């Protein structure tokens, strides 16, 4: 039986694109280089009862933070129909931290026994990213 389960998250990213080779039809197409900074936060709370007579239960809270810096290169196509295809690859580094607090309870009919555990991890890592973005937009060419 799940008594409660909630998750809350936040994601933010910021990047800039330098188009080294631009398409003649629009400013936002062609080969680009892009530094990107990302931040993710995820918090979760779970409470479960494993027995219908409330003999065994578990409550846990966890928090995860992720910070990533990558440099991506890619090519963006903008078609006359408004379809946008963006293929990219990148590499960089990141830092992640994770903390979990968990309490497990057993009830033997007379007494309740609680087991408490706390886990905390932090590390740096090398990040690789690749992907394909698909969207719709309008073409424009700035007048200079």
C-alpha atoms as a PDB file:
ATOM      1  CA  UNK A   1       0.000   0.000   0.000  1.00  0.00           C
ATOM      2  CA  UNK A   2       1.465   3.359  -0.988  1.00  0.00           C
ATOM      3  CA  UNK A   3       0.443   6.078   1.474  1.00  0.00           C
ATOM      4  CA  UNK A   4       2.266   8.952  -0.105  1.00  0.00           C
ATOM      5  CA  UNK A   5       4.526   9.598  -3.051  1.00  0.00           C
ATOM      6  CA  UNK A   6       5.634  12.986  -4.269  1.00  0.00           C
ATOM      7  CA  UNK A   7       8.335  14.191  -6.597  1.00  0.00           C
ATOM      8  CA  UNK A   8       9.373  17.767  -7.240  1.00  0.00           C
ATOM      9  CA  UNK A   9      11.932  18.785  -9.816  1.00  0.00           C
ATOM     10  CA  UNK A  10      13.496  21.798 -11.453  1.00  0.00           C
ATOM     11  CA  UNK A  11      15.586  21.986 -14.619  1.00  0.00           C
ATOM     12  CA  UNK A  12      17.299  25.036 -16.104  1.00  0.00           C
ATOM     13  CA  UNK A  13      19.751  25.347 -18.967  1.00  0.00           C
ATOM     14  CA  UNK A  14      21.468  28.249 -20.636  1.00  0.00           C
ATOM     15  CA  UNK A  15      23.400  28.183 -23.879  1.00  0.00           C
ATOM     16  CA  UNK A  16      24.675  30.386 -26.669  1.00  0.00           C
ATOM     17  CA  UNK A  17      25.076  29.366 -30.288  1.00  0.00           C
ATOM     18  CA  UNK A  18      27.765  30.645 -32.613  1.00  0.00           C
ATOM     19  CA  UNK A  19      26.871  29.726 -36.202  1.00  0.00           C
ATOM     20  CA  UNK A  20      30.201  29.141 -37.966  1.00  0.00           C
ATOM     21  CA  UNK A  21      28.551  28.263 -41.282  1.00  0.00           C
ATOM     22  CA  UNK A  22      25.144  29.854 -41.844  1.00  0.00           C
ATOM     23  CA  UNK A  23      22.443  28.778 -44.232  1.00  0.00           C
ATOM     24  CA  UNK A  24      21.723  31.341 -46.974  1.00  0.00           C
ATOM     25  CA  UNK A  25      17.951  31.130 -46.221  1.00  0.00           C
ATOM     26  CA  UNK A  26      17.876  31.904 -42.493  1.00  0.00           C
ATOM     27  CA  UNK A  27      20.093  33.070 -39.634  1.00  0.00           C
ATOM     28  CA  UNK A  28      19.207  30.114 -37.393  1.00  0.00           C
ATOM     29  CA  UNK A  29      20.419  27.236 -39.564  1.00  0.00           C
ATOM     30  CA  UNK A  30      23.798  25.747 -40.281  1.00  0.00           C
ATOM     31  CA  UNK A  31      26.828  24.462 -38.377  1.00  0.00           C
ATOM     32  CA  UNK A  32      27.130  25.810 -34.833  1.00  0.00           C
ATOM     33  CA  UNK A  33      29.234  25.656 -31.667  1.00  0.00           C
ATOM     34  CA  UNK A  34      27.413  26.060 -28.350  1.00  0.00           C
ATOM     35  CA  UNK A  35      28.559  26.169 -24.693  1.00  0.00           C
ATOM     36  CA  UNK A  36      25.717  24.959 -22.447  1.00  0.00           C
ATOM     37  CA  UNK A  37      25.247  25.084 -18.656  1.00  0.00           C
ATOM     38  CA  UNK A  38      22.547  22.870 -17.076  1.00  0.00           C
ATOM     39  CA  UNK A  39      21.220  22.489 -13.547  1.00  0.00           C
ATOM     40  CA  UNK A  40      18.773  19.807 -12.326  1.00  0.00           C
ATOM     41  CA  UNK A  41      17.172  19.404  -8.907  1.00  0.00           C
ATOM     42  CA  UNK A  42      14.983  16.459  -7.936  1.00  0.00           C
ATOM     43  CA  UNK A  43      13.376  15.821  -4.545  1.00  0.00           C
ATOM     44  CA  UNK A  44      11.191  12.863  -3.719  1.00  0.00           C
ATOM     45  CA  UNK A  45       9.249  11.580  -0.738  1.00  0.00           C
ATOM     46  CA  UNK A  46       7.800   8.073  -0.453  1.00  0.00           C
ATOM     47  CA  UNK A  47       5.827   6.390   2.290  1.00  0.00           C
ATOM     48  CA  UNK A  48       4.781   2.759   1.911  1.00  0.00           C
ATOM     49  CA  UNK A  49       3.181   0.082   4.075  1.00  0.00           C
ATOM     50  CA  UNK A  50       4.086  -3.473   3.100  1.00  0.00           C
ATOM     51  CA  UNK A  51       1.489  -5.228   5.239  1.00  0.00           C
ATOM     52  CA  UNK A  52      -2.249  -4.587   5.526  1.00  0.00           C
ATOM     53  CA  UNK A  53      -1.943  -4.628   9.331  1.00  0.00           C
ATOM     54  CA  UNK A  54       0.752  -1.895   9.287  1.00  0.00           C
ATOM     55  CA  UNK A  55       3.416  -4.352  10.464  1.00  0.00           C
ATOM     56  CA  UNK A  56       6.180  -3.030   8.197  1.00  0.00           C
ATOM     57  CA  UNK A  57       6.561   0.456   6.709  1.00  0.00           C
ATOM     58  CA  UNK A  58       9.171   2.588   4.944  1.00  0.00           C
ATOM     59  CA  UNK A  59       9.538   6.364   4.710  1.00  0.00           C
ATOM     60  CA  UNK A  60      12.239   7.925   2.549  1.00  0.00           C
ATOM     61  CA  UNK A  61      13.322  11.348   1.370  1.00  0.00           C
ATOM     62  CA  UNK A  62      15.930  11.942  -1.323  1.00  0.00           C
ATOM     63  CA  UNK A  63      17.485  14.985  -2.960  1.00  0.00           C
ATOM     64  CA  UNK A  64      19.617  15.041  -6.099  1.00  0.00           C
ATOM     65  CA  UNK A  65      21.519  18.002  -7.601  1.00  0.00           C
ATOM     66  CA  UNK A  66      23.208  17.926 -10.997  1.00  0.00           C
ATOM     67  CA  UNK A  67      25.364  20.652 -12.569  1.00  0.00           C
ATOM     68  CA  UNK A  68      26.745  20.098 -16.096  1.00  0.00           C
ATOM     69  CA  UNK A  69      28.858  22.211 -18.457  1.00  0.00           C
ATOM     70  CA  UNK A  70      29.195  20.974 -22.049  1.00  0.00           C
ATOM     71  CA  UNK A  71      30.351  22.294 -25.397  1.00  0.00           C
ATOM     72  CA  UNK A  72      28.153  21.079 -28.218  1.00  0.00           C
ATOM     73  CA  UNK A  73      28.536  21.201 -31.955  1.00  0.00           C
ATOM     74  CA  UNK A  74      25.727  20.505 -34.339  1.00  0.00           C
ATOM     75  CA  UNK A  75      23.908  21.319 -37.518  1.00  0.00           C
ATOM     76  CA  UNK A  76      20.429  22.799 -37.621  1.00  0.00           C
ATOM     77  CA  UNK A  77      18.203  22.478 -40.680  1.00  0.00           C
ATOM     78  CA  UNK A  78      15.197  24.784 -41.207  1.00  0.00           C
ATOM     79  CA  UNK A  79      12.884  23.661 -44.005  1.00  0.00           C
ATOM     80  CA  UNK A  80      10.391  25.801 -45.934  1.00  0.00           C
ATOM     81  CA  UNK A  81       7.523  23.951 -44.234  1.00  0.00           C
ATOM     82  CA  UNK A  82       8.743  25.271 -40.852  1.00  0.00           C
ATOM     83  CA  UNK A  83      10.146  21.917 -39.711  1.00  0.00           C
ATOM     84  CA  UNK A  84      13.392  22.295 -37.762  1.00  0.00           C
ATOM     85  CA  UNK A  85      15.885  19.423 -37.306  1.00  0.00           C
ATOM     86  CA  UNK A  86      18.848  19.921 -34.999  1.00  0.00           C
ATOM     87  CA  UNK A  87      21.528  17.190 -34.706  1.00  0.00           C
ATOM     88  CA  UNK A  88      24.227  17.665 -32.063  1.00  0.00           C
ATOM     89  CA  UNK A  89      27.070  16.040 -30.109  1.00  0.00           C
ATOM     90  CA  UNK A  90      29.002  17.389 -27.158  1.00  0.00           C
ATOM     91  CA  UNK A  91      31.285  16.733 -24.243  1.00  0.00           C
ATOM     92  CA  UNK A  92      32.056  18.400 -20.947  1.00  0.00           C
ATOM     93  CA  UNK A  93      32.075  17.762 -17.214  1.00  0.00           C
ATOM     94  CA  UNK A  94      29.556  17.616 -14.417  1.00  0.00           C
ATOM     95  CA  UNK A  95      29.105  17.465 -10.670  1.00  0.00           C
ATOM     96  CA  UNK A  96      26.357  15.503  -8.957  1.00  0.00           C
ATOM     97  CA  UNK A  97      25.318  15.163  -5.341  1.00  0.00           C
ATOM     98  CA  UNK A  98      22.784  12.776  -3.876  1.00  0.00           C
ATOM     99  CA  UNK A  99      21.397  12.456  -0.347  1.00  0.00           C
ATOM    100  CA  UNK A 100      18.867   9.900   0.879  1.00  0.00           C
ATOM    101  CA  UNK A 101      17.302   9.544   4.314  1.00  0.00           C
ATOM    102  CA  UNK A 102      15.256   6.402   4.987  1.00  0.00           C
ATOM    103  CA  UNK A 103      13.416   5.031   8.032  1.00  0.00           C
ATOM    104  CA  UNK A 104      12.056   1.479   8.051  1.00  0.00           C
ATOM    105  CA  UNK A 105       9.689   0.398  10.848  1.00  0.00           C
ATOM    106  CA  UNK A 106       8.744  -3.084  12.061  1.00  0.00           C
ATOM    107  CA  UNK A 107       5.929  -3.740  14.509  1.00  0.00           C
ATOM    108  CA  UNK A 108       5.949  -7.126  16.265  1.00  0.00           C
ATOM    109  CA  UNK A 109       2.598  -6.703  18.045  1.00  0.00           C
ATOM    110  CA  UNK A 110       4.054  -4.980  21.108  1.00  0.00           C
ATOM    111  CA  UNK A 111       7.081  -2.939  20.039  1.00  0.00           C
ATOM    112  CA  UNK A 112       8.094  -0.862  17.051  1.00  0.00           C
ATOM    113  CA  UNK A 113      11.672  -1.163  15.772  1.00  0.00           C
ATOM    114  CA  UNK A 114      13.020   1.592  13.530  1.00  0.00           C
ATOM    115  CA  UNK A 115      16.037   1.283  11.238  1.00  0.00           C
ATOM    116  CA  UNK A 116      17.475   4.582  10.012  1.00  0.00           C
ATOM    117  CA  UNK A 117      19.893   4.968   7.099  1.00  0.00           C
ATOM    118  CA  UNK A 118      21.464   8.028   5.536  1.00  0.00           C
ATOM    119  CA  UNK A 119      23.433   8.009   2.277  1.00  0.00           C
ATOM    120  CA  UNK A 120      25.295  10.954   0.779  1.00  0.00           C
ATOM    121  CA  UNK A 121      27.368  10.869  -2.420  1.00  0.00           C
ATOM    122  CA  UNK A 122      29.187  13.571  -4.401  1.00  0.00           C
ATOM    123  CA  UNK A 123      31.337  13.181  -7.492  1.00  0.00           C
ATOM    124  CA  UNK A 124      32.644  14.763 -10.683  1.00  0.00           C
ATOM    125  CA  UNK A 125      32.292  13.053 -14.045  1.00  0.00           C
ATOM    126  CA  UNK A 126      32.876  13.478 -17.771  1.00  0.00           C
ATOM    127  CA  UNK A 127      29.645  14.126 -19.669  1.00  0.00           C
ATOM    128  CA  UNK A 128      28.842  13.134 -23.245  1.00  0.00           C
ATOM    129  CA  UNK A 129      25.714  14.262 -25.018  1.00  0.00           C
ATOM    130  CA  UNK A 130      24.171  13.584 -28.398  1.00  0.00           C
ATOM    131  CA  UNK A 131      20.716  13.998 -29.786  1.00  0.00           C
ATOM    132  CA  UNK A 132      18.200  15.110 -32.338  1.00  0.00           C
ATOM    133  CA  UNK A 133      15.762  17.929 -31.673  1.00  0.00           C
ATOM    134  CA  UNK A 134      12.651  18.315 -33.805  1.00  0.00           C
ATOM    135  CA  UNK A 135      10.494  21.420 -33.809  1.00  0.00           C
ATOM    136  CA  UNK A 136       8.601  23.957 -35.859  1.00  0.00           C
ATOM    137  CA  UNK A 137       9.428  27.583 -36.540  1.00  0.00           C
ATOM    138  CA  UNK A 138       9.362  30.258 -39.165  1.00  0.00           C
ATOM    139  CA  UNK A 139      12.187  31.249 -41.444  1.00  0.00           C
ATOM    140  CA  UNK A 140      13.570  34.731 -41.400  1.00  0.00           C
ATOM    141  CA  UNK A 141      16.638  36.449 -42.700  1.00  0.00           C
ATOM    142  CA  UNK A 142      17.811  39.656 -41.067  1.00  0.00           C
ATOM    143  CA  UNK A 143      18.254  42.636 -43.349  1.00  0.00           C
ATOM    144  CA  UNK A 144      21.753  44.085 -43.235  1.00  0.00           C
END
